[in-house]
């Protein structure tokens, strides 16, 4: 298995475990915690997509100039 894929899968496992654990501690409900742990990464992925688009737009509007001497 490629290292990048393994790293992604282990990170996903950690992300889901932490999300479930925090939601369970806050709600006391395994069903609600499970729902949060599954929905949150999907919403986060969509937010990340738009975050990347915004950064690409921001960076494309900037010119790279050397820093002024101080």
Protein backbone atom coordinates (compact mmCIF):
# COMPACT_ATOMS: atom_id res chain seq x y z
CA UNK A 1 0.00 0.00 0.00
CA UNK A 2 1.44 3.44 -0.90
CA UNK A 3 2.59 5.47 2.09
CA UNK A 4 0.34 8.43 1.19
CA UNK A 5 -2.74 6.22 1.16
CA UNK A 6 -1.78 4.56 4.44
CA UNK A 7 -1.17 7.98 6.02
CA UNK A 8 -4.57 9.19 4.79
CA UNK A 9 -6.37 6.14 6.17
CA UNK A 10 -4.68 6.37 9.56
CA UNK A 11 -5.48 10.09 9.76
CA UNK A 12 -9.10 9.36 8.86
CA UNK A 13 -9.24 6.75 11.61
CA UNK A 14 -7.88 9.22 14.16
CA UNK A 15 -10.23 11.96 12.94
CA UNK A 16 -13.31 9.74 13.20
CA UNK A 17 -12.28 8.36 16.60
CA UNK A 18 -11.67 11.81 18.08
CA UNK A 19 -14.88 13.18 16.57
CA UNK A 20 -16.93 10.29 17.90
CA UNK A 21 -15.30 10.45 21.33
CA UNK A 22 -15.82 14.18 21.78
CA UNK A 23 -19.42 14.03 20.55
CA UNK A 24 -20.15 11.04 22.79
CA UNK A 25 -18.68 12.77 25.84
CA UNK A 26 -20.77 15.86 25.10
CA UNK A 27 -24.05 14.10 24.32
CA UNK A 28 -23.89 10.69 25.99
CA UNK A 29 -25.50 9.25 22.86
CA UNK A 30 -23.69 6.78 20.61
CA UNK A 31 -26.21 7.42 17.82
CA UNK A 32 -25.72 11.19 17.85
CA UNK A 33 -21.96 10.81 18.22
CA UNK A 34 -21.87 8.40 15.29
CA UNK A 35 -23.85 10.80 13.14
CA UNK A 36 -21.60 13.71 14.02
CA UNK A 37 -18.47 11.62 13.43
CA UNK A 38 -19.69 10.71 9.94
CA UNK A 39 -21.20 14.04 8.86
CA UNK A 40 -18.47 16.38 10.15
CA UNK A 41 -15.67 15.05 7.87
CA UNK A 42 -17.94 15.43 4.83
CA UNK A 43 -18.79 19.03 5.72
CA UNK A 44 -15.13 19.68 6.49
CA UNK A 45 -14.09 18.32 3.07
CA UNK A 46 -16.52 20.71 1.33
CA UNK A 47 -15.27 23.64 3.42
CA UNK A 48 -11.67 22.69 2.59
CA UNK A 49 -12.48 22.67 -1.14
CA UNK A 50 -13.78 26.24 -0.99
CA UNK A 51 -10.91 27.28 1.30
CA UNK A 52 -8.44 26.07 -1.35
CA UNK A 53 -10.32 27.90 -4.11
CA UNK A 54 -10.25 31.11 -2.08
CA UNK A 55 -6.52 30.79 -1.45
CA UNK A 56 -5.81 30.11 -5.13
CA UNK A 57 -7.78 33.24 -6.02
CA UNK A 58 -6.00 35.28 -3.37
CA UNK A 59 -2.56 34.07 -4.41
CA UNK A 60 -3.21 34.57 -8.12
CA UNK A 61 -3.99 38.22 -7.45
CA UNK A 62 -0.68 38.82 -5.65
CA UNK A 63 2.56 39.66 -7.36
CA UNK A 64 5.72 38.19 -5.94
CA UNK A 65 8.09 41.04 -5.13
CA UNK A 66 11.27 40.99 -3.12
CA UNK A 67 10.90 42.25 0.44
CA UNK A 68 11.93 45.87 0.93
CA UNK A 69 15.23 46.37 2.72
CA UNK A 70 14.78 47.61 6.25
